Amino acid sequence: MTLTHLSCPAPAKLNLFLHVTGRRADGYHLLQTLFRFIDLHDTLHFALRSDGVVQRSNAVAGVAEDDDLCVRAARLLQRETGCQLGVNITLEKRIPMGGGLGGGSSDAATTLLALNRLWDLNLSRDKLMALGLTLGADVPVFVFGESAFAEGVGEKLQAFPLPATWYVVLFPDVHVPTAKIFTHLELTRDSVSITMRALSNWDCAKHAANPDLTGLQLRNDLQAVVCKLYPEVQRYLDWLGGYAKPLMTGSGACVFAEFANRDAAQQALDELQEKYQVRGVVTQGLVKHPLQHWV
């Protein structure tokens, strides 16, 4: 039976740390980070068209149709494969834009995965990841489909299994432009590279409740610059820091902290909302991307 419709999740991601280790001659920054997916997600609906037209069926505030990464991903897939089919895409946004949670990149990756199936293209995961990289540095990890230690500009990925755990993610009411942070004169770009083995030792020590044994100082190198330019982010970090060790994800503005269980996370969020009227969610870390098995 031929598929004509698909509805698919596009999960958010957290950067459990983000180090800037250098800068290439072309201006791109060299990074090391640990990606993990969470169950906060957008939902995309795809309806097959036979006329080759790719269009978005609903408006998304602040994003023109031709600039939408979903639409760009679909049209890229058409060009690369010569596919004559089209699609209507409806996007339900839940992931805040400009928050460092990777919503646009995840939407693009879900589009590649969904249309690979809906259009019966049978492209490999590696091919979809390569296409995704042309759309953005964070797209490949969502196609990769599992928690990953990333290097390069974020495209060199090694699987790094993480247990399902709970987070509070807070949404400061600011939009942080990624390019503005990466081009800031005060951004440090000389973090010492770490190895996969050192990271594995840190993870073991972390879950033995003593991560300091490893001596690793894991942080987000973009956080200081963001907090200087957007004091609201620092306020949210301070508030969340009353409950657990907080960190900013990506280039901001969203901040998060890990909790031992859902009840502890929910209690912290309830108190923060009562005290400070913050926006945020309790969310669980995913072991795999929901569509990981599709390629």
Protein backbone atom coordinates (compact mmCIF):
# COMPACT_ATOMS: atom_id res chain seq x y z
CA MET A 1 0.00 0.00 0.00
CA THR A 2 1.43 3.39 -1.03
CA LEU A 3 1.93 5.91 1.76
CA THR A 4 0.20 9.24 1.23
CA HIS A 5 0.45 10.83 4.69
CA LEU A 6 2.93 10.80 7.56
CA SER A 7 2.95 12.56 10.94
CA CYS A 8 6.35 12.63 12.64
CA PRO A 9 7.99 14.09 15.74
CA ALA A 10 11.06 16.33 15.58
CA PRO A 11 12.68 16.24 19.05
CA ALA A 12 14.71 19.02 20.63
CA LYS A 13 18.32 18.52 21.67
CA LEU A 14 20.47 19.61 24.58
CA ASN A 15 24.20 20.25 24.48
CA LEU A 16 25.44 18.69 27.72
CA PHE A 17 28.59 20.70 27.15
CA LEU A 18 29.90 22.81 24.26
CA HIS A 19 33.58 23.68 23.87
CA VAL A 20 35.04 25.87 21.13
CA THR A 21 38.47 24.46 20.33
CA GLY A 22 39.49 26.56 17.33
CA ARG A 23 38.46 28.26 14.14
CA ARG A 24 38.98 27.13 10.56
CA ALA A 25 40.34 29.34 7.78
CA ASP A 26 36.83 29.58 6.31
CA GLY A 27 35.50 31.07 9.56
CA TYR A 28 33.66 28.00 10.84
CA HIS A 29 34.33 27.17 14.46
CA LEU A 30 35.71 23.83 15.64
CA LEU A 31 33.60 22.39 18.42
CA GLN A 32 33.32 19.51 20.82
CA THR A 33 29.91 18.80 22.28
CA LEU A 34 27.70 16.06 23.64
CA PHE A 35 24.26 15.96 22.04
CA ARG A 36 21.24 14.32 23.57
CA PHE A 37 17.61 14.32 22.47
CA ILE A 38 14.68 15.12 24.75
CA ASP A 39 10.98 14.41 24.40
CA LEU A 40 10.04 18.05 23.83
CA HIS A 41 9.23 18.03 20.13
CA ASP A 42 7.67 19.72 17.14
CA THR A 43 5.29 17.67 15.01
CA LEU A 44 5.37 17.64 11.21
CA HIS A 45 2.58 16.41 8.96
CA PHE A 46 3.40 15.41 5.38
CA ALA A 47 0.80 14.95 2.64
CA LEU A 48 2.00 13.49 -0.65
CA ARG A 49 1.50 15.48 -3.86
CA SER A 50 1.92 14.12 -7.37
CA ASP A 51 2.61 17.47 -9.05
CA GLY A 52 6.11 18.08 -7.67
CA VAL A 53 5.10 21.13 -5.63
CA VAL A 54 6.66 21.54 -2.18
CA GLN A 55 4.83 23.94 0.08
CA ARG A 56 4.17 24.66 3.72
CA SER A 57 0.50 24.50 4.57
CA ASN A 58 0.53 26.79 7.60
CA ALA A 59 2.18 30.04 8.62
CA VAL A 60 5.07 30.00 11.10
CA ALA A 61 5.65 33.31 12.86
CA GLY A 62 8.87 34.95 11.79
CA VAL A 63 9.80 32.33 9.18
CA ALA A 64 9.04 32.86 5.48
CA GLU A 65 8.14 29.69 3.59
CA ASP A 66 11.20 29.79 1.33
CA ASP A 67 13.47 30.21 4.37
CA ASP A 68 11.88 27.37 6.33
CA LEU A 69 14.38 24.54 6.82
CA CYS A 70 11.61 21.97 6.24
CA VAL A 71 10.83 23.40 2.82
CA ARG A 72 14.52 23.78 1.99
CA ALA A 73 15.19 20.17 3.04
CA ALA A 74 12.36 18.86 0.86
CA ARG A 75 13.48 20.85 -2.18
CA LEU A 76 17.09 19.76 -1.64
CA LEU A 77 15.97 16.13 -1.59
CA GLN A 78 14.08 16.67 -4.85
CA ARG A 79 17.11 18.20 -6.57
CA GLU A 80 19.51 15.53 -5.39
CA THR A 81 17.33 12.59 -6.40
CA GLY A 82 15.36 13.94 -9.36
CA CYS A 83 12.15 13.02 -7.55
CA GLN A 84 9.03 14.26 -9.37
CA LEU A 85 6.77 14.02 -6.31
CA GLY A 86 5.84 16.91 -4.03
CA VAL A 87 4.50 17.43 -0.53
CA ASN A 88 2.42 19.67 1.68
CA ILE A 89 4.12 20.22 5.05
CA THR A 90 2.25 21.33 8.15
CA LEU A 91 4.46 22.28 11.09
CA GLU A 92 3.29 22.34 14.71
CA LYS A 93 5.93 24.32 16.64
CA ARG A 94 6.52 23.59 20.32
CA ILE A 95 10.28 24.07 20.47
CA PRO A 96 11.12 27.75 21.04
CA MET A 97 12.98 29.38 18.16
CA GLY A 98 16.36 30.94 18.87
CA GLY A 99 16.70 28.94 22.07
CA GLY A 100 19.61 26.62 21.28
CA LEU A 101 17.35 23.55 21.28
CA GLY A 102 17.86 22.78 17.60
CA GLY A 103 14.23 23.01 16.55
CA GLY A 104 14.84 24.13 12.98
CA SER A 105 17.60 21.58 12.45
CA SER A 106 15.44 18.83 13.90
CA ASP A 107 12.53 19.81 11.65
CA ALA A 108 14.85 19.61 8.63
CA ALA A 109 16.16 16.19 9.66
CA THR A 110 12.65 14.84 10.23
CA THR A 111 11.70 16.13 6.78
CA LEU A 112 14.62 14.27 5.19
CA LEU A 113 13.76 11.07 7.06
CA ALA A 114 10.03 11.30 6.36
CA LEU A 115 10.32 12.13 2.67
CA ASN A 116 12.93 9.44 2.17
CA ARG A 117 10.12 7.08 3.15
CA LEU A 118 7.10 8.92 1.67
CA TRP A 119 8.83 9.37 -1.70
CA ASP A 120 10.33 5.84 -1.53
CA LEU A 121 13.87 7.11 -2.17
CA ASN A 122 15.79 4.56 -0.06
CA LEU A 123 18.75 6.85 0.58
CA SER A 124 21.24 5.69 3.21
CA ARG A 125 21.69 7.35 6.58
CA ASP A 126 25.14 8.60 5.52
CA LYS A 127 23.68 10.23 2.40
CA LEU A 128 20.91 11.91 4.38
CA MET A 129 23.44 13.15 6.92
CA ALA A 130 25.60 14.61 4.16
CA LEU A 131 22.60 16.41 2.68
CA GLY A 132 21.61 17.62 6.13
CA LEU A 133 25.04 19.17 6.70
CA THR A 134 24.47 21.49 3.74
CA LEU A 135 21.41 22.84 5.58
CA GLY A 136 23.08 23.33 8.97
CA ALA A 137 25.75 21.90 11.26
CA ASP A 138 23.22 20.46 13.73
CA VAL A 139 21.09 18.63 11.16
CA PRO A 140 23.29 15.50 10.83
CA VAL A 141 23.00 14.46 14.48
CA PHE A 142 19.21 14.26 14.21
CA VAL A 143 19.58 11.93 11.23
CA PHE A 144 22.29 10.00 13.08
CA GLY A 145 19.57 9.26 15.59
CA GLU A 146 21.27 8.78 18.97
CA SER A 147 23.16 10.65 21.65
CA ALA A 148 26.54 11.56 20.25
CA PHE A 149 29.92 13.07 21.00
CA ALA A 150 30.47 15.56 18.18
CA GLU A 151 33.60 17.23 16.82
CA GLY A 152 34.57 19.32 13.80
CA VAL A 153 31.79 21.83 13.11
CA GLY A 154 29.47 19.32 14.77
CA GLU A 155 29.33 16.76 11.96
CA LYS A 156 31.92 14.20 13.19
CA LEU A 157 29.75 11.99 15.36
CA GLN A 158 30.40 9.05 17.67
CA ALA A 159 27.54 7.34 19.47
CA PHE A 160 27.58 8.01 23.20
CA PRO A 161 24.81 6.10 25.01
CA LEU A 162 23.15 8.00 27.84
CA PRO A 163 20.51 6.81 30.30
CA ALA A 164 16.99 8.22 30.18
CA THR A 165 16.92 10.97 32.79
CA TRP A 166 14.88 14.08 33.57
CA TYR A 167 15.49 17.76 32.92
CA VAL A 168 13.96 21.11 33.62
CA VAL A 169 14.36 23.33 30.56
CA LEU A 170 13.61 27.03 30.95
CA PHE A 171 12.80 29.44 28.12
CA PRO A 172 14.10 33.00 28.74
CA ASP A 173 12.10 35.51 26.76
CA VAL A 174 14.95 36.46 24.43
CA HIS A 175 16.01 35.35 20.93
CA VAL A 176 19.77 34.84 20.60
CA PRO A 177 21.19 35.05 17.04
CA THR A 178 23.81 32.32 16.71
CA ALA A 179 26.05 34.29 14.33
CA LYS A 180 26.19 37.21 16.74
CA ILE A 181 27.62 34.98 19.47
CA PHE A 182 30.14 33.13 17.30
CA THR A 183 31.53 36.39 15.89
CA HIS A 184 31.77 38.19 19.25
CA LEU A 185 35.26 39.44 20.08
CA GLU A 186 35.09 38.10 23.63
CA LEU A 187 34.29 34.52 22.65
CA THR A 188 37.13 32.20 23.67
CA ARG A 189 38.14 29.73 20.98
CA ASP A 190 40.98 27.83 22.63
CA SER A 191 39.43 25.14 24.83
CA VAL A 192 41.63 22.07 25.15
CA SER A 193 40.27 19.11 23.20
CA ILE A 194 39.02 16.16 25.23
CA THR A 195 39.01 12.51 24.25
CA MET A 196 36.16 10.05 24.04
CA ARG A 197 37.82 8.01 26.79
CA ALA A 198 37.99 11.00 29.13
CA LEU A 199 34.34 11.75 28.42
CA SER A 200 33.38 8.14 29.14
CA ASN A 201 35.26 8.30 32.46
CA TRP A 202 33.41 11.53 33.29
CA ASP A 203 30.06 9.91 32.50
CA CYS A 204 30.83 6.92 34.72
CA ALA A 205 31.93 9.19 37.57
CA LYS A 206 28.90 11.42 37.04
CA HIS A 207 26.50 8.55 37.51
CA ALA A 208 28.50 7.48 40.56
CA ALA A 209 27.69 10.98 41.92
CA ASN A 210 31.31 12.17 41.84
CA PRO A 211 32.13 13.66 38.41
CA ASP A 212 34.91 15.84 39.83
CA LEU A 213 37.12 12.75 40.09
CA THR A 214 37.91 13.03 36.39
CA GLY A 215 39.11 16.62 36.53
CA LEU A 216 37.11 17.51 33.42
CA GLN A 217 35.63 20.99 33.40
CA LEU A 218 32.66 20.64 31.09
CA ARG A 219 30.87 23.89 30.27
CA ASN A 220 29.33 25.90 27.45
CA ASP A 221 31.95 28.28 26.05
CA LEU A 222 29.23 30.47 24.53
CA GLN A 223 27.46 31.02 27.83
CA ALA A 224 29.57 33.91 29.16
CA VAL A 225 29.11 35.97 26.00
CA VAL A 226 25.37 35.27 25.86
CA CYS A 227 24.90 36.21 29.50
CA LYS A 228 26.79 39.48 28.99
CA LEU A 229 24.65 40.44 26.01
CA TYR A 230 21.39 39.03 27.42
CA PRO A 231 21.27 39.37 31.24
CA GLU A 232 17.91 37.57 31.28
CA VAL A 233 19.75 34.33 30.50
CA GLN A 234 22.01 34.82 33.53
CA ARG A 235 18.96 35.41 35.72
CA TYR A 236 17.42 32.14 34.58
CA LEU A 237 20.69 30.32 35.24
CA ASP A 238 20.83 31.80 38.73
CA TRP A 239 17.24 30.82 39.49
CA LEU A 240 17.66 27.26 38.20
CA GLY A 241 20.97 26.99 40.02
CA GLY A 242 19.07 27.01 43.30
CA TYR A 243 17.94 23.47 42.50
CA ALA A 244 20.64 21.81 40.38
CA LYS A 245 23.72 22.62 38.31
CA PRO A 246 22.43 24.68 35.36
CA LEU A 247 23.83 25.10 31.87
CA MET A 248 22.86 26.94 28.72
CA THR A 249 22.26 24.79 25.63
CA GLY A 250 23.72 25.63 22.23
CA SER A 251 24.09 29.35 21.61
CA GLY A 252 21.18 30.04 23.98
CA ALA A 253 18.90 31.27 25.27
CA CYS A 254 17.39 28.15 26.87
CA VAL A 255 18.92 26.78 30.06
CA PHE A 256 18.53 23.37 31.67
CA ALA A 257 19.45 21.20 34.62
CA GLU A 258 19.32 17.46 35.23
CA PHE A 259 17.22 15.90 38.00
CA ALA A 260 17.14 12.43 39.49
CA ASN A 261 13.48 11.84 38.70
CA ARG A 262 10.35 13.44 37.28
CA ASP A 263 8.92 14.43 40.66
CA ALA A 264 12.03 16.37 41.66
CA ALA A 265 12.10 18.13 38.30
CA GLN A 266 8.39 19.00 38.46
CA GLN A 267 8.69 20.35 41.99
CA ALA A 268 11.56 22.61 40.96
CA LEU A 269 9.69 23.91 37.92
CA ASP A 270 6.50 24.50 39.93
CA GLU A 271 8.41 26.56 42.50
CA LEU A 272 10.26 28.54 39.83
CA GLN A 273 7.03 29.34 38.04
CA GLU A 274 5.40 30.45 41.27
CA LYS A 275 8.35 32.65 42.30
CA TYR A 276 9.44 34.09 38.96
CA GLN A 277 6.72 33.30 36.39
CA VAL A 278 9.28 31.54 34.21
CA ARG A 279 8.35 29.57 31.10
CA GLY A 280 9.67 26.06 30.90
CA VAL A 281 9.00 22.33 30.78
CA VAL A 282 9.89 19.09 32.48
CA THR A 283 11.22 16.74 29.84
CA GLN A 284 12.85 13.32 29.64
CA GLY A 285 16.07 12.47 27.86
CA LEU A 286 15.57 10.05 24.98
CA VAL A 287 17.76 7.02 24.41
CA LYS A 288 17.14 7.17 20.63
CA HIS A 289 15.58 9.56 18.11
CA PRO A 290 11.96 8.44 17.52
CA LEU A 291 12.70 7.91 13.79
CA GLN A 292 16.13 6.35 14.24
CA HIS A 293 14.93 3.00 12.89
CA TRP A 294 13.68 4.49 9.62
CA VAL A 295 17.06 4.24 7.82
